[in-house]
C-alpha atoms as a PDB file:
ATOM      1  CA  MET A   1       0.000   0.000   0.000  1.00  0.00           C
ATOM      2  CA  ASN A   2       1.421   3.357  -1.033  1.00  0.00           C
ATOM      3  CA  THR A   3       1.085   6.247   1.330  1.00  0.00           C
ATOM      4  CA  LYS A   4       1.008   9.754  -0.008  1.00  0.00           C
ATOM      5  CA  LYS A   5       3.901  11.954   1.002  1.00  0.00           C
ATOM      6  CA  TYR A   6       3.567  15.684   1.070  1.00  0.00           C
ATOM      7  CA  ILE A   7       6.273  18.301   1.205  1.00  0.00           C
ATOM      8  CA  VAL A   8       5.469  20.814   3.915  1.00  0.00           C
ATOM      9  CA  ARG A   9       7.544  23.953   4.178  1.00  0.00           C
ATOM     10  CA  LEU A  10       7.015  25.966   7.337  1.00  0.00           C
ATOM     11  CA  THR A  11       8.222  29.489   7.867  1.00  0.00           C
ATOM     12  CA  ASP A  12      10.171  30.261  11.024  1.00  0.00           C
ATOM     13  CA  GLU A  13       7.073  32.014  12.365  1.00  0.00           C
ATOM     14  CA  GLU A  14       4.831  28.998  11.701  1.00  0.00           C
ATOM     15  CA  ARG A  15       7.379  26.621  13.230  1.00  0.00           C
ATOM     16  CA  ALA A  16       7.635  28.809  16.349  1.00  0.00           C
ATOM     17  CA  MET A  17       3.840  28.932  16.680  1.00  0.00           C
ATOM     18  CA  LEU A  18       3.559  25.129  16.447  1.00  0.00           C
ATOM     19  CA  LYS A  19       6.446  24.642  18.884  1.00  0.00           C
ATOM     20  CA  ASP A  20       4.777  27.030  21.333  1.00  0.00           C
ATOM     21  CA  LEU A  21       1.478  25.158  20.981  1.00  0.00           C
ATOM     22  CA  THR A  22       3.105  21.809  21.778  1.00  0.00           C
ATOM     23  CA  ASP A  23       5.268  23.125  24.620  1.00  0.00           C
ATOM     24  CA  LYS A  24       2.363  24.682  26.521  1.00  0.00           C
ATOM     25  CA  GLY A  25       0.141  21.623  26.165  1.00  0.00           C
ATOM     26  CA  LYS A  26      -3.007  23.712  26.708  1.00  0.00           C
ATOM     27  CA  ALA A  27      -4.609  22.925  23.322  1.00  0.00           C
ATOM     28  CA  ALA A  28      -6.777  19.948  22.432  1.00  0.00           C
ATOM     29  CA  ALA A  29      -4.907  16.659  22.164  1.00  0.00           C
ATOM     30  CA  ALA A  30      -5.675  16.288  18.450  1.00  0.00           C
ATOM     31  CA  LYS A  31      -4.341  19.771  17.731  1.00  0.00           C
ATOM     32  CA  ILE A  32      -1.110  19.027  19.602  1.00  0.00           C
ATOM     33  CA  LYS A  33      -0.762  15.719  17.742  1.00  0.00           C
ATOM     34  CA  HIS A  34      -1.157  17.454  14.368  1.00  0.00           C
ATOM     35  CA  ALA A  35       1.375  20.099  15.385  1.00  0.00           C
ATOM     36  CA  ASN A  36       3.874  17.404  16.360  1.00  0.00           C
ATOM     37  CA  VAL A  37       3.410  15.658  13.008  1.00  0.00           C
ATOM     38  CA  LEU A  38       4.109  18.896  11.138  1.00  0.00           C
ATOM     39  CA  LEU A  39       7.170  19.641  13.266  1.00  0.00           C
ATOM     40  CA  LYS A  40       8.683  16.198  12.634  1.00  0.00           C
ATOM     41  CA  ILE A  41       8.543  16.560   8.849  1.00  0.00           C
END
């Protein structure tokens, strides 16, 4: 089974916002999970 791979380019500002979201841990679990996925790419 082939999985689709997407190229995601984040600006420094977007990366900082996602990092802040995951560090605080105050957002919904799904939102934090999505942020972590984007940061690992």
